[in-house]
Amino acid sequence: MSALWVYVLFIVAGIAVGGSYSMWKINKLASGVLLAIAVLAAVAGILRLM
């Protein structure tokens, strides 16, 4: 079950980074929020690995 959470967290981080990149020219605030979510998901995934 722990491995599943790690996969989900990294998938969410990847999708959020892609959304942040595609939204950069349209809305900088929403892009920043998505980037923050991506960073938090990636950090949570790394911490779950430890």
PDB file of N, CA and C in Angstrom:
ATOM      1  N   MET A   1       0.824  -1.196   0.000  1.00  0.00           N
ATOM      2  CA  MET A   1       0.000   0.000   0.000  1.00  0.00           C
ATOM      3  C   MET A   1       0.866   1.258   0.000  1.00  0.00           C
ATOM      4  N   SER A   2       2.015   1.201   0.657  1.00  0.00           N
ATOM      5  CA  SER A   2       2.896   2.356   0.703  1.00  0.00           C
ATOM      6  C   SER A   2       3.449   2.683  -0.681  1.00  0.00           C
ATOM      7  N   ALA A   3       3.750   1.657  -1.446  1.00  0.00           N
ATOM      8  CA  ALA A   3       4.261   1.887  -2.804  1.00  0.00           C
ATOM      9  C   ALA A   3       3.199   2.550  -3.672  1.00  0.00           C
ATOM     10  N   LEU A   4       1.949   2.198  -3.456  1.00  0.00           N
ATOM     11  CA  LEU A   4       0.861   2.809  -4.216  1.00  0.00           C
ATOM     12  C   LEU A   4       0.777   4.308  -3.928  1.00  0.00           C
ATOM     13  N   TRP A   5       0.915   4.688  -2.672  1.00  0.00           N
ATOM     14  CA  TRP A   5       0.880   6.114  -2.326  1.00  0.00           C
ATOM     15  C   TRP A   5       2.033   6.866  -2.959  1.00  0.00           C
ATOM     16  N   VAL A   6       3.211   6.257  -3.008  1.00  0.00           N
ATOM     17  CA  VAL A   6       4.365   6.911  -3.624  1.00  0.00           C
ATOM     18  C   VAL A   6       4.094   7.135  -5.109  1.00  0.00           C
ATOM     19  N   TYR A   7       3.574   6.122  -5.798  1.00  0.00           N
ATOM     20  CA  TYR A   7       3.241   6.266  -7.218  1.00  0.00           C
ATOM     21  C   TYR A   7       2.207   7.366  -7.422  1.00  0.00           C
ATOM     22  N   VAL A   8       1.173   7.378  -6.601  1.00  0.00           N
ATOM     23  CA  VAL A   8       0.117   8.381  -6.734  1.00  0.00           C
ATOM     24  C   VAL A   8       0.667   9.787  -6.499  1.00  0.00           C
ATOM     25  N   LEU A   9       1.514   9.954  -5.502  1.00  0.00           N
ATOM     26  CA  LEU A   9       2.072  11.270  -5.213  1.00  0.00           C
ATOM     27  C   LEU A   9       2.940  11.779  -6.358  1.00  0.00           C
ATOM     28  N   PHE A  10       3.754  10.897  -6.942  1.00  0.00           N
ATOM     29  CA  PHE A  10       4.594  11.333  -8.055  1.00  0.00           C
ATOM     30  C   PHE A  10       3.774  11.579  -9.320  1.00  0.00           C
ATOM     31  N   ILE A  11       2.714  10.822  -9.539  1.00  0.00           N
ATOM     32  CA  ILE A  11       1.838  11.071 -10.684  1.00  0.00           C
ATOM     33  C   ILE A  11       1.128  12.415 -10.524  1.00  0.00           C
ATOM     34  N   VAL A  12       0.638  12.697  -9.320  1.00  0.00           N
ATOM     35  CA  VAL A  12      -0.007  13.992  -9.057  1.00  0.00           C
ATOM     36  C   VAL A  12       0.994  15.130  -9.258  1.00  0.00           C
ATOM     37  N   ALA A  13       2.217  14.940  -8.809  1.00  0.00           N
ATOM     38  CA  ALA A  13       3.238  15.973  -8.991  1.00  0.00           C
ATOM     39  C   ALA A  13       3.502  16.211 -10.472  1.00  0.00           C
ATOM     40  N   GLY A  14       3.591  15.166 -11.251  1.00  0.00           N
ATOM     41  CA  GLY A  14       3.830  15.311 -12.690  1.00  0.00           C
ATOM     42  C   GLY A  14       2.686  16.008 -13.400  1.00  0.00           C
ATOM     43  N   ILE A  15       1.472  15.644 -13.065  1.00  0.00           N
ATOM     44  CA  ILE A  15       0.302  16.288 -13.688  1.00  0.00           C
ATOM     45  C   ILE A  15       0.232  17.755 -13.281  1.00  0.00           C
ATOM     46  N   ALA A  16       0.520  18.056 -12.031  1.00  0.00           N
ATOM     47  CA  ALA A  16       0.473  19.441 -11.571  1.00  0.00           C
ATOM     48  C   ALA A  16       1.560  20.285 -12.236  1.00  0.00           C
ATOM     49  N   VAL A  17       2.738  19.719 -12.449  1.00  0.00           N
ATOM     50  CA  VAL A  17       3.794  20.469 -13.137  1.00  0.00           C
ATOM     51  C   VAL A  17       3.385  20.735 -14.583  1.00  0.00           C
ATOM     52  N   GLY A  18       2.817  19.755 -15.241  1.00  0.00           N
ATOM     53  CA  GLY A  18       2.349  19.955 -16.609  1.00  0.00           C
ATOM     54  C   GLY A  18       1.256  21.010 -16.697  1.00  0.00           C
ATOM     55  N   GLY A  19       0.326  20.980 -15.769  1.00  0.00           N
ATOM     56  CA  GLY A  19      -0.728  21.984 -15.737  1.00  0.00           C
ATOM     57  C   GLY A  19      -0.186  23.368 -15.430  1.00  0.00           C
ATOM     58  N   SER A  20       0.777  23.432 -14.547  1.00  0.00           N
ATOM     59  CA  SER A  20       1.391  24.713 -14.206  1.00  0.00           C
ATOM     60  C   SER A  20       2.115  25.304 -15.407  1.00  0.00           C
ATOM     61  N   TYR A  21       2.819  24.467 -16.140  1.00  0.00           N
ATOM     62  CA  TYR A  21       3.550  24.933 -17.324  1.00  0.00           C
ATOM     63  C   TYR A  21       2.601  25.423 -18.415  1.00  0.00           C
ATOM     64  N   SER A  22       1.513  24.691 -18.626  1.00  0.00           N
ATOM     65  CA  SER A  22       0.581  25.082 -19.678  1.00  0.00           C
ATOM     66  C   SER A  22      -0.257  26.301 -19.285  1.00  0.00           C
ATOM     67  N   MET A  23      -0.405  26.578 -17.998  1.00  0.00           N
ATOM     68  CA  MET A  23      -1.213  27.694 -17.529  1.00  0.00           C
ATOM     69  C   MET A  23      -0.382  28.958 -17.307  1.00  0.00           C
ATOM     70  N   TRP A  24       0.920  28.896 -17.477  1.00  0.00           N
ATOM     71  CA  TRP A  24       1.813  29.997 -17.138  1.00  0.00           C
ATOM     72  C   TRP A  24       1.432  31.295 -17.853  1.00  0.00           C
ATOM     73  N   LYS A  25       1.106  31.234 -19.152  1.00  0.00           N
ATOM     74  CA  LYS A  25       0.804  32.455 -19.900  1.00  0.00           C
ATOM     75  C   LYS A  25      -0.613  32.959 -19.643  1.00  0.00           C
ATOM     76  N   ILE A  26      -1.507  32.114 -19.178  1.00  0.00           N
ATOM     77  CA  ILE A  26      -2.900  32.491 -18.985  1.00  0.00           C
ATOM     78  C   ILE A  26      -3.116  33.117 -17.604  1.00  0.00           C
ATOM     79  N   ASN A  27      -2.682  32.417 -16.555  1.00  0.00           N
ATOM     80  CA  ASN A  27      -2.960  32.867 -15.198  1.00  0.00           C
ATOM     81  C   ASN A  27      -1.770  32.504 -14.308  1.00  0.00           C
ATOM     82  N   LYS A  28      -1.005  33.497 -13.939  1.00  0.00           N
ATOM     83  CA  LYS A  28       0.212  33.238 -13.154  1.00  0.00           C
ATOM     84  C   LYS A  28      -0.100  32.764 -11.736  1.00  0.00           C
ATOM     85  N   LEU A  29      -1.191  33.241 -11.148  1.00  0.00           N
ATOM     86  CA  LEU A  29      -1.539  32.828  -9.787  1.00  0.00           C
ATOM     87  C   LEU A  29      -1.907  31.354  -9.741  1.00  0.00           C
ATOM     88  N   ALA A  30      -2.756  30.919 -10.655  1.00  0.00           N
ATOM     89  CA  ALA A  30      -3.134  29.503 -10.694  1.00  0.00           C
ATOM     90  C   ALA A  30      -1.932  28.633 -11.031  1.00  0.00           C
ATOM     91  N   SER A  31      -1.051  29.140 -11.871  1.00  0.00           N
ATOM     92  CA  SER A  31       0.169  28.402 -12.199  1.00  0.00           C
ATOM     93  C   SER A  31       1.045  28.227 -10.962  1.00  0.00           C
ATOM     94  N   GLY A  32       1.148  29.275 -10.154  1.00  0.00           N
ATOM     95  CA  GLY A  32       1.933  29.184  -8.924  1.00  0.00           C
ATOM     96  C   GLY A  32       1.327  28.222  -7.924  1.00  0.00           C
ATOM     97  N   VAL A  33      -0.001  28.202  -7.841  1.00  0.00           N
ATOM     98  CA  VAL A  33      -0.678  27.272  -6.934  1.00  0.00           C
ATOM     99  C   VAL A  33      -0.433  25.833  -7.372  1.00  0.00           C
ATOM    100  N   LEU A  34      -0.556  25.584  -8.664  1.00  0.00           N
ATOM    101  CA  LEU A  34      -0.299  24.225  -9.158  1.00  0.00           C
ATOM    102  C   LEU A  34       1.156  23.820  -8.945  1.00  0.00           C
ATOM    103  N   LEU A  35       2.065  24.759  -9.109  1.00  0.00           N
ATOM    104  CA  LEU A  35       3.472  24.448  -8.879  1.00  0.00           C
ATOM    105  C   LEU A  35       3.732  24.138  -7.408  1.00  0.00           C
ATOM    106  N   ALA A  36       3.076  24.861  -6.509  1.00  0.00           N
ATOM    107  CA  ALA A  36       3.218  24.580  -5.077  1.00  0.00           C
ATOM    108  C   ALA A  36       2.669  23.202  -4.732  1.00  0.00           C
ATOM    109  N   ILE A  37       1.544  22.837  -5.335  1.00  0.00           N
ATOM    110  CA  ILE A  37       0.980  21.499  -5.119  1.00  0.00           C
ATOM    111  C   ILE A  37       1.944  20.436  -5.628  1.00  0.00           C
ATOM    112  N   ALA A  38       2.560  20.698  -6.777  1.00  0.00           N
ATOM    113  CA  ALA A  38       3.513  19.741  -7.344  1.00  0.00           C
ATOM    114  C   ALA A  38       4.713  19.552  -6.428  1.00  0.00           C
ATOM    115  N   VAL A  39       5.226  20.646  -5.898  1.00  0.00           N
ATOM    116  CA  VAL A  39       6.388  20.546  -5.001  1.00  0.00           C
ATOM    117  C   VAL A  39       6.015  19.790  -3.731  1.00  0.00           C
ATOM    118  N   LEU A  40       4.862  20.097  -3.168  1.00  0.00           N
ATOM    119  CA  LEU A  40       4.438  19.394  -1.949  1.00  0.00           C
ATOM    120  C   LEU A  40       4.218  17.901  -2.211  1.00  0.00           C
ATOM    121  N   ALA A  41       3.633  17.547  -3.344  1.00  0.00           N
ATOM    122  CA  ALA A  41       3.423  16.141  -3.662  1.00  0.00           C
ATOM    123  C   ALA A  41       4.740  15.422  -3.877  1.00  0.00           C
ATOM    124  N   ALA A  42       5.683  16.075  -4.534  1.00  0.00           N
ATOM    125  CA  ALA A  42       6.989  15.450  -4.747  1.00  0.00           C
ATOM    126  C   ALA A  42       7.736  15.262  -3.428  1.00  0.00           C
ATOM    127  N   VAL A  43       7.690  16.238  -2.564  1.00  0.00           N
ATOM    128  CA  VAL A  43       8.351  16.128  -1.256  1.00  0.00           C
ATOM    129  C   VAL A  43       7.683  15.028  -0.428  1.00  0.00           C
ATOM    130  N   ALA A  44       6.359  14.958  -0.470  1.00  0.00           N
ATOM    131  CA  ALA A  44       5.661  13.906   0.265  1.00  0.00           C
ATOM    132  C   ALA A  44       6.039  12.520  -0.285  1.00  0.00           C
ATOM    133  N   GLY A  45       6.173  12.409  -1.595  1.00  0.00           N
ATOM    134  CA  GLY A  45       6.578  11.134  -2.187  1.00  0.00           C
ATOM    135  C   GLY A  45       7.986  10.734  -1.765  1.00  0.00           C
ATOM    136  N   ILE A  46       8.888  11.714  -1.733  1.00  0.00           N
ATOM    137  CA  ILE A  46      10.249  11.424  -1.304  1.00  0.00           C
ATOM    138  C   ILE A  46      10.289  11.029   0.166  1.00  0.00           C
ATOM    139  N   LEU A  47       9.508  11.725   0.985  1.00  0.00           N
ATOM    140  CA  LEU A  47       9.483  11.385   2.420  1.00  0.00           C
ATOM    141  C   LEU A  47       8.869  10.012   2.657  1.00  0.00           C
ATOM    142  N   ARG A  48       7.887   9.614   1.808  1.00  0.00           N
ATOM    143  CA  ARG A  48       7.302   8.275   1.949  1.00  0.00           C
ATOM    144  C   ARG A  48       8.324   7.185   1.608  1.00  0.00           C
ATOM    145  N   LEU A  49       9.283   7.496   0.738  1.00  0.00           N
ATOM    146  CA  LEU A  49      10.313   6.515   0.375  1.00  0.00           C
ATOM    147  C   LEU A  49      11.286   6.268   1.518  1.00  0.00           C
ATOM    148  N   MET A  50      11.464   7.248   2.372  1.00  0.00           N
ATOM    149  CA  MET A  50      12.449   7.113   3.465  1.00  0.00           C
ATOM    150  C   MET A  50      11.937   6.285   4.589  1.00  0.00           C
TER     151      MET A  50
END
